[in-house]
Amino acid sequence: MLRGGLLSWNLRDRHMAGTLETIIAHLDRRGVGDKVVVWQRDSHIGDARATQMGDDGEVNVGQLVRERYRAGTPLVGFSTYASSVTAASVRGTPAERKRVRQALLNSYEALFHATGLANFMLNLRGDLRAREALHERRLERAIGVVYMASTERLSHYFYAQITDQFDALLHFDNTRAVIPLERTSTWEQGEEPETYPFAV
């Protein structure tokens, strides 16, 4: 597993969930009563218990929040088939604009691409037909601050049962990299084509 050690992964997510609880407690003391929206990247969101990560003893923010605030905590996932992404090649190195490979054939992303729809939303909590159709465990891709196309299967895919992982899912067949506020020449240039130096 290339995302880091199991212990450090669990501690990071427990710390993030603890920070969220502190913010909610502060808002409750002030009598604000507002809703809180948390944006998490890659596999931090969604319920880890419905994934290979959970099978391996990992927890994530999605699971911890769902356990603590069950009734009012919808977990919403995002997916893409092919895109570009702003990510580093190695943790701690400058971000680059990278091409994301087309999704693997036996993945949820490839299944969503096969619908021919460019963008759509699935209600995985209330749509029984969607739940039945997507109940089978499949590969799911997660891209965080690092993206390594050369080891994508090992680095960025895990098995998941999406109907228990999320309450809703937004699929965008093609997406574009976030443009950083401070662009480096590496980001501007982007990575070399996979066929470099032949440009086939």
C-alpha atoms as a PDB file:
ATOM      1  CA  MET A   1       0.000   0.000   0.000  1.00  0.00           C
ATOM      2  CA  LEU A   2       1.643   3.232  -1.150  1.00  0.00           C
ATOM      3  CA  ARG A   3      -0.554   5.711   0.756  1.00  0.00           C
ATOM      4  CA  GLY A   4       1.604   5.432   3.862  1.00  0.00           C
ATOM      5  CA  GLY A   5       1.618   3.182   6.886  1.00  0.00           C
ATOM      6  CA  LEU A   6      -1.656   1.929   8.306  1.00  0.00           C
ATOM      7  CA  LEU A   7      -1.012   3.549  11.692  1.00  0.00           C
ATOM      8  CA  SER A   8      -0.224   6.991  10.281  1.00  0.00           C
ATOM      9  CA  TRP A   9      -3.203   6.792   7.884  1.00  0.00           C
ATOM     10  CA  ASN A  10      -5.592   5.981  10.746  1.00  0.00           C
ATOM     11  CA  LEU A  11      -4.111   8.699  12.978  1.00  0.00           C
ATOM     12  CA  ARG A  12      -4.461  11.367  10.257  1.00  0.00           C
ATOM     13  CA  ASP A  13      -8.109  10.536   9.677  1.00  0.00           C
ATOM     14  CA  ARG A  14      -8.866  10.331  13.391  1.00  0.00           C
ATOM     15  CA  HIS A  15      -7.210  13.754  13.820  1.00  0.00           C
ATOM     16  CA  MET A  16      -9.275  15.216  10.953  1.00  0.00           C
ATOM     17  CA  ALA A  17     -12.483  13.775  12.427  1.00  0.00           C
ATOM     18  CA  GLY A  18     -11.526  15.157  15.848  1.00  0.00           C
ATOM     19  CA  THR A  19     -10.972  18.603  14.338  1.00  0.00           C
ATOM     20  CA  LEU A  20     -14.418  18.421  12.744  1.00  0.00           C
ATOM     21  CA  GLU A  21     -15.989  17.487  16.100  1.00  0.00           C
ATOM     22  CA  THR A  22     -14.282  20.505  17.706  1.00  0.00           C
ATOM     23  CA  ILE A  23     -15.671  22.830  15.030  1.00  0.00           C
ATOM     24  CA  ILE A  24     -19.190  21.407  15.408  1.00  0.00           C
ATOM     25  CA  ALA A  25     -19.005  21.713  19.223  1.00  0.00           C
ATOM     26  CA  HIS A  26     -17.892  25.356  18.852  1.00  0.00           C
ATOM     27  CA  LEU A  27     -20.816  26.123  16.517  1.00  0.00           C
ATOM     28  CA  ASP A  28     -23.244  24.357  18.877  1.00  0.00           C
ATOM     29  CA  ARG A  29     -22.007  26.430  21.857  1.00  0.00           C
ATOM     30  CA  ARG A  30     -22.614  29.601  19.853  1.00  0.00           C
ATOM     31  CA  GLY A  31     -26.108  28.377  19.007  1.00  0.00           C
ATOM     32  CA  VAL A  32     -25.407  28.715  15.299  1.00  0.00           C
ATOM     33  CA  GLY A  33     -26.975  25.388  14.306  1.00  0.00           C
ATOM     34  CA  ASP A  34     -25.619  25.575  10.763  1.00  0.00           C
ATOM     35  CA  LYS A  35     -24.746  22.565   8.686  1.00  0.00           C
ATOM     36  CA  VAL A  36     -21.099  21.722   8.092  1.00  0.00           C
ATOM     37  CA  VAL A  37     -19.792  20.627   4.700  1.00  0.00           C
ATOM     38  CA  VAL A  38     -16.434  18.868   4.603  1.00  0.00           C
ATOM     39  CA  TRP A  39     -14.522  18.405   1.355  1.00  0.00           C
ATOM     40  CA  GLN A  40     -12.125  15.454   1.501  1.00  0.00           C
ATOM     41  CA  ARG A  41      -9.890  14.087  -1.207  1.00  0.00           C
ATOM     42  CA  ASP A  42      -9.524  10.560  -2.550  1.00  0.00           C
ATOM     43  CA  SER A  43     -10.329   7.770  -0.086  1.00  0.00           C
ATOM     44  CA  HIS A  44     -10.738   9.901   3.067  1.00  0.00           C
ATOM     45  CA  ILE A  45     -14.441  10.270   2.285  1.00  0.00           C
ATOM     46  CA  GLY A  46     -16.883   7.408   1.947  1.00  0.00           C
ATOM     47  CA  ASP A  47     -17.259   4.724   4.589  1.00  0.00           C
ATOM     48  CA  ALA A  48     -14.040   2.697   4.821  1.00  0.00           C
ATOM     49  CA  ARG A  49     -15.995  -0.307   6.134  1.00  0.00           C
ATOM     50  CA  ALA A  50     -17.371  -0.806   2.595  1.00  0.00           C
ATOM     51  CA  THR A  51     -13.896  -0.959   1.057  1.00  0.00           C
ATOM     52  CA  GLN A  52     -10.730  -2.998   0.904  1.00  0.00           C
ATOM     53  CA  MET A  53      -9.227  -0.366   3.224  1.00  0.00           C
ATOM     54  CA  GLY A  54     -11.715  -1.340   5.923  1.00  0.00           C
ATOM     55  CA  ASP A  55     -10.935  -5.019   5.320  1.00  0.00           C
ATOM     56  CA  ASP A  56      -7.304  -4.135   6.080  1.00  0.00           C
ATOM     57  CA  GLY A  57      -8.230  -2.419   9.366  1.00  0.00           C
ATOM     58  CA  GLU A  58      -8.118   1.170   8.131  1.00  0.00           C
ATOM     59  CA  VAL A  59     -10.606   3.846   9.116  1.00  0.00           C
ATOM     60  CA  ASN A  60     -11.280   7.145   7.376  1.00  0.00           C
ATOM     61  CA  VAL A  61     -13.062  10.424   8.014  1.00  0.00           C
ATOM     62  CA  GLY A  62     -16.208   9.248   6.230  1.00  0.00           C
ATOM     63  CA  GLN A  63     -16.565   6.213   8.494  1.00  0.00           C
ATOM     64  CA  LEU A  64     -15.790   8.142  11.683  1.00  0.00           C
ATOM     65  CA  VAL A  65     -18.243  10.921  10.857  1.00  0.00           C
ATOM     66  CA  ARG A  66     -20.966   8.466   9.840  1.00  0.00           C
ATOM     67  CA  GLU A  67     -20.508   6.591  13.142  1.00  0.00           C
ATOM     68  CA  ARG A  68     -20.741   9.833  15.146  1.00  0.00           C
ATOM     69  CA  TYR A  69     -23.473  11.724  13.223  1.00  0.00           C
ATOM     70  CA  ARG A  70     -25.335   8.919  11.422  1.00  0.00           C
ATOM     71  CA  ALA A  71     -28.735  10.496  10.757  1.00  0.00           C
ATOM     72  CA  GLY A  72     -27.597  13.718   9.163  1.00  0.00           C
ATOM     73  CA  THR A  73     -24.400  12.715   7.431  1.00  0.00           C
ATOM     74  CA  PRO A  74     -24.703  12.051   3.711  1.00  0.00           C
ATOM     75  CA  LEU A  75     -21.393  10.940   2.192  1.00  0.00           C
ATOM     76  CA  VAL A  76     -21.006  12.090  -1.415  1.00  0.00           C
ATOM     77  CA  GLY A  77     -18.340  10.653  -3.712  1.00  0.00           C
ATOM     78  CA  PHE A  78     -16.942  11.873  -7.018  1.00  0.00           C
ATOM     79  CA  SER A  79     -15.517   9.858  -9.893  1.00  0.00           C
ATOM     80  CA  THR A  80     -13.986  10.428 -13.305  1.00  0.00           C
ATOM     81  CA  TYR A  81     -13.058   8.201 -16.212  1.00  0.00           C
ATOM     82  CA  ALA A  82     -10.192  10.142 -17.809  1.00  0.00           C
ATOM     83  CA  SER A  83      -8.878  13.555 -16.970  1.00  0.00           C
ATOM     84  CA  SER A  84      -5.948  15.656 -15.960  1.00  0.00           C
ATOM     85  CA  VAL A  85      -4.983  16.283 -12.356  1.00  0.00           C
ATOM     86  CA  THR A  86      -2.689  18.548 -10.377  1.00  0.00           C
ATOM     87  CA  ALA A  87      -0.608  16.180  -8.263  1.00  0.00           C
ATOM     88  CA  ALA A  88       2.968  15.408  -7.331  1.00  0.00           C
ATOM     89  CA  SER A  89       4.922  12.396  -8.522  1.00  0.00           C
ATOM     90  CA  VAL A  90       6.297  11.879  -5.011  1.00  0.00           C
ATOM     91  CA  ARG A  91       4.917  13.223  -1.731  1.00  0.00           C
ATOM     92  CA  GLY A  92       6.561  16.548  -0.862  1.00  0.00           C
ATOM     93  CA  THR A  93       7.638  17.420  -4.418  1.00  0.00           C
ATOM     94  CA  PRO A  94       6.127  20.205  -6.562  1.00  0.00           C
ATOM     95  CA  ALA A  95       2.736  19.617  -8.142  1.00  0.00           C
ATOM     96  CA  GLU A  96       2.572  18.861 -11.844  1.00  0.00           C
ATOM     97  CA  ARG A  97      -0.230  18.776 -14.366  1.00  0.00           C
ATOM     98  CA  LYS A  98      -0.657  15.082 -15.149  1.00  0.00           C
ATOM     99  CA  ARG A  99      -2.841  13.066 -17.468  1.00  0.00           C
ATOM    100  CA  VAL A 100      -5.002  10.503 -15.688  1.00  0.00           C
ATOM    101  CA  ARG A 101      -5.265   7.223 -17.532  1.00  0.00           C
ATOM    102  CA  GLN A 102      -8.596   5.850 -18.636  1.00  0.00           C
ATOM    103  CA  ALA A 103     -10.161   3.803 -15.876  1.00  0.00           C
ATOM    104  CA  LEU A 104      -9.484   0.073 -15.632  1.00  0.00           C
ATOM    105  CA  LEU A 105     -12.099  -2.152 -17.276  1.00  0.00           C
ATOM    106  CA  ASN A 106     -13.446  -3.791 -14.108  1.00  0.00           C
ATOM    107  CA  SER A 107     -13.826  -0.506 -12.202  1.00  0.00           C
ATOM    108  CA  TYR A 108     -16.859   1.571 -11.267  1.00  0.00           C
ATOM    109  CA  GLU A 109     -15.400   4.430 -13.335  1.00  0.00           C
ATOM    110  CA  ALA A 110     -15.302   2.281 -16.490  1.00  0.00           C
ATOM    111  CA  LEU A 111     -18.860   1.111 -15.806  1.00  0.00           C
ATOM    112  CA  PHE A 112     -20.030   4.723 -15.492  1.00  0.00           C
ATOM    113  CA  HIS A 113     -18.174   5.658 -18.696  1.00  0.00           C
ATOM    114  CA  ALA A 114     -19.950   2.829 -20.521  1.00  0.00           C
ATOM    115  CA  THR A 115     -23.311   4.554 -19.902  1.00  0.00           C
ATOM    116  CA  GLY A 116     -22.331   7.150 -22.516  1.00  0.00           C
ATOM    117  CA  LEU A 117     -23.421   9.945 -20.156  1.00  0.00           C
ATOM    118  CA  ALA A 118     -20.906  12.741 -19.675  1.00  0.00           C
ATOM    119  CA  ASN A 119     -22.052  13.698 -16.173  1.00  0.00           C
ATOM    120  CA  PHE A 120     -24.636  12.301 -13.781  1.00  0.00           C
ATOM    121  CA  MET A 121     -25.585  11.859 -10.152  1.00  0.00           C
ATOM    122  CA  LEU A 122     -26.580   8.602  -8.461  1.00  0.00           C
ATOM    123  CA  ASN A 123     -28.763   8.591  -5.365  1.00  0.00           C
ATOM    124  CA  LEU A 124     -27.342   5.532  -3.617  1.00  0.00           C
ATOM    125  CA  ARG A 125     -29.468   6.005  -0.527  1.00  0.00           C
ATOM    126  CA  GLY A 126     -32.934   6.199  -2.074  1.00  0.00           C
ATOM    127  CA  ASP A 127     -32.751   4.714  -5.582  1.00  0.00           C
ATOM    128  CA  LEU A 128     -33.313   0.972  -5.140  1.00  0.00           C
ATOM    129  CA  ARG A 129     -32.601   0.217  -8.811  1.00  0.00           C
ATOM    130  CA  ALA A 130     -29.213   1.937  -8.572  1.00  0.00           C
ATOM    131  CA  ARG A 131     -28.430   0.079  -5.349  1.00  0.00           C
ATOM    132  CA  GLU A 132     -29.276  -3.277  -6.910  1.00  0.00           C
ATOM    133  CA  ALA A 133     -27.343  -2.571 -10.118  1.00  0.00           C
ATOM    134  CA  LEU A 134     -24.211  -1.395  -8.281  1.00  0.00           C
ATOM    135  CA  HIS A 135     -24.175  -3.805  -5.352  1.00  0.00           C
ATOM    136  CA  GLU A 136     -21.277  -5.869  -6.744  1.00  0.00           C
ATOM    137  CA  ARG A 137     -17.859  -5.032  -5.319  1.00  0.00           C
ATOM    138  CA  ARG A 138     -15.586  -3.490  -7.961  1.00  0.00           C
ATOM    139  CA  LEU A 139     -12.360  -1.584  -8.273  1.00  0.00           C
ATOM    140  CA  GLU A 140     -12.562   2.116  -7.447  1.00  0.00           C
ATOM    141  CA  ARG A 141      -9.915   4.752  -8.186  1.00  0.00           C
ATOM    142  CA  ALA A 142      -8.693   7.314  -5.661  1.00  0.00           C
ATOM    143  CA  ILE A 143      -6.271  10.107  -6.535  1.00  0.00           C
ATOM    144  CA  GLY A 144      -4.858  12.359  -3.833  1.00  0.00           C
ATOM    145  CA  VAL A 145      -1.879  14.696  -3.642  1.00  0.00           C
ATOM    146  CA  VAL A 146       0.243  12.113  -5.490  1.00  0.00           C
ATOM    147  CA  TYR A 147      -0.578  10.457  -8.813  1.00  0.00           C
ATOM    148  CA  MET A 148       1.659   7.782 -10.332  1.00  0.00           C
ATOM    149  CA  ALA A 149       0.333   6.539 -13.653  1.00  0.00           C
ATOM    150  CA  SER A 150       3.081   3.914 -13.923  1.00  0.00           C
ATOM    151  CA  THR A 151       1.848   2.125 -10.774  1.00  0.00           C
ATOM    152  CA  GLU A 152      -1.789   3.201 -10.979  1.00  0.00           C
ATOM    153  CA  ARG A 153      -3.374  -0.192 -10.241  1.00  0.00           C
ATOM    154  CA  LEU A 154      -1.407  -0.645  -7.011  1.00  0.00           C
ATOM    155  CA  SER A 155      -1.223   3.021  -6.016  1.00  0.00           C
ATOM    156  CA  HIS A 156      -4.710   4.290  -6.767  1.00  0.00           C
ATOM    157  CA  TYR A 157      -7.234   1.426  -6.912  1.00  0.00           C
ATOM    158  CA  PHE A 158      -8.946  -0.557  -4.194  1.00  0.00           C
ATOM    159  CA  TYR A 159     -12.042  -2.751  -4.049  1.00  0.00           C
ATOM    160  CA  ALA A 160     -15.224  -1.151  -2.768  1.00  0.00           C
ATOM    161  CA  GLN A 161     -18.946  -1.712  -2.488  1.00  0.00           C
ATOM    162  CA  ILE A 162     -20.040   1.737  -3.564  1.00  0.00           C
ATOM    163  CA  THR A 163     -23.655   1.398  -2.393  1.00  0.00           C
ATOM    164  CA  ASP A 164     -22.506   1.114   1.242  1.00  0.00           C
ATOM    165  CA  GLN A 165     -19.592   3.499   0.847  1.00  0.00           C
ATOM    166  CA  PHE A 166     -21.556   6.569  -0.336  1.00  0.00           C
ATOM    167  CA  ASP A 167     -25.065   7.987  -0.103  1.00  0.00           C
ATOM    168  CA  ALA A 168     -24.688   9.720  -3.468  1.00  0.00           C
ATOM    169  CA  LEU A 169     -22.099   9.813  -6.228  1.00  0.00           C
ATOM    170  CA  LEU A 170     -21.361  12.442  -8.880  1.00  0.00           C
ATOM    171  CA  HIS A 171     -19.632  11.160 -12.016  1.00  0.00           C
ATOM    172  CA  PHE A 172     -17.855  13.479 -14.446  1.00  0.00           C
ATOM    173  CA  ASP A 173     -16.521  11.477 -17.367  1.00  0.00           C
ATOM    174  CA  ASN A 174     -13.749  13.985 -18.131  1.00  0.00           C
ATOM    175  CA  THR A 175     -12.320  16.515 -15.716  1.00  0.00           C
ATOM    176  CA  ARG A 176      -9.495  19.064 -15.830  1.00  0.00           C
ATOM    177  CA  ALA A 177      -6.682  19.700 -13.376  1.00  0.00           C
ATOM    178  CA  VAL A 178      -7.140  22.403 -10.758  1.00  0.00           C
ATOM    179  CA  ILE A 179      -4.983  25.391 -11.690  1.00  0.00           C
ATOM    180  CA  PRO A 180      -2.675  26.236  -8.769  1.00  0.00           C
ATOM    181  CA  LEU A 181      -2.419  29.848  -7.594  1.00  0.00           C
ATOM    182  CA  GLU A 182       1.346  29.675  -8.028  1.00  0.00           C
ATOM    183  CA  ARG A 183       2.149  27.766 -11.192  1.00  0.00           C
ATOM    184  CA  THR A 184       5.600  26.329 -11.682  1.00  0.00           C
ATOM    185  CA  SER A 185       7.221  25.758 -15.057  1.00  0.00           C
ATOM    186  CA  THR A 186       6.756  22.020 -14.443  1.00  0.00           C
ATOM    187  CA  TRP A 187       3.011  22.490 -14.020  1.00  0.00           C
ATOM    188  CA  GLU A 188       2.752  24.789 -17.060  1.00  0.00           C
ATOM    189  CA  GLN A 189       4.580  22.292 -19.264  1.00  0.00           C
ATOM    190  CA  GLY A 190       2.759  19.250 -17.916  1.00  0.00           C
ATOM    191  CA  GLU A 191       4.224  15.785 -17.963  1.00  0.00           C
ATOM    192  CA  GLU A 192       5.789  14.202 -21.010  1.00  0.00           C
ATOM    193  CA  PRO A 193       3.479  12.112 -23.208  1.00  0.00           C
ATOM    194  CA  GLU A 194       3.573   8.378 -22.461  1.00  0.00           C
ATOM    195  CA  THR A 195       5.045   7.843 -25.945  1.00  0.00           C
ATOM    196  CA  TYR A 196       7.924  10.336 -25.396  1.00  0.00           C
ATOM    197  CA  PRO A 197      10.297  10.710 -27.220  1.00  0.00           C
ATOM    198  CA  PHE A 198       8.483   9.136 -30.189  1.00  0.00           C
ATOM    199  CA  ALA A 199       5.229  11.218 -30.097  1.00  0.00           C
ATOM    200  CA  VAL A 200       3.245   8.349 -31.611  1.00  0.00           C
END
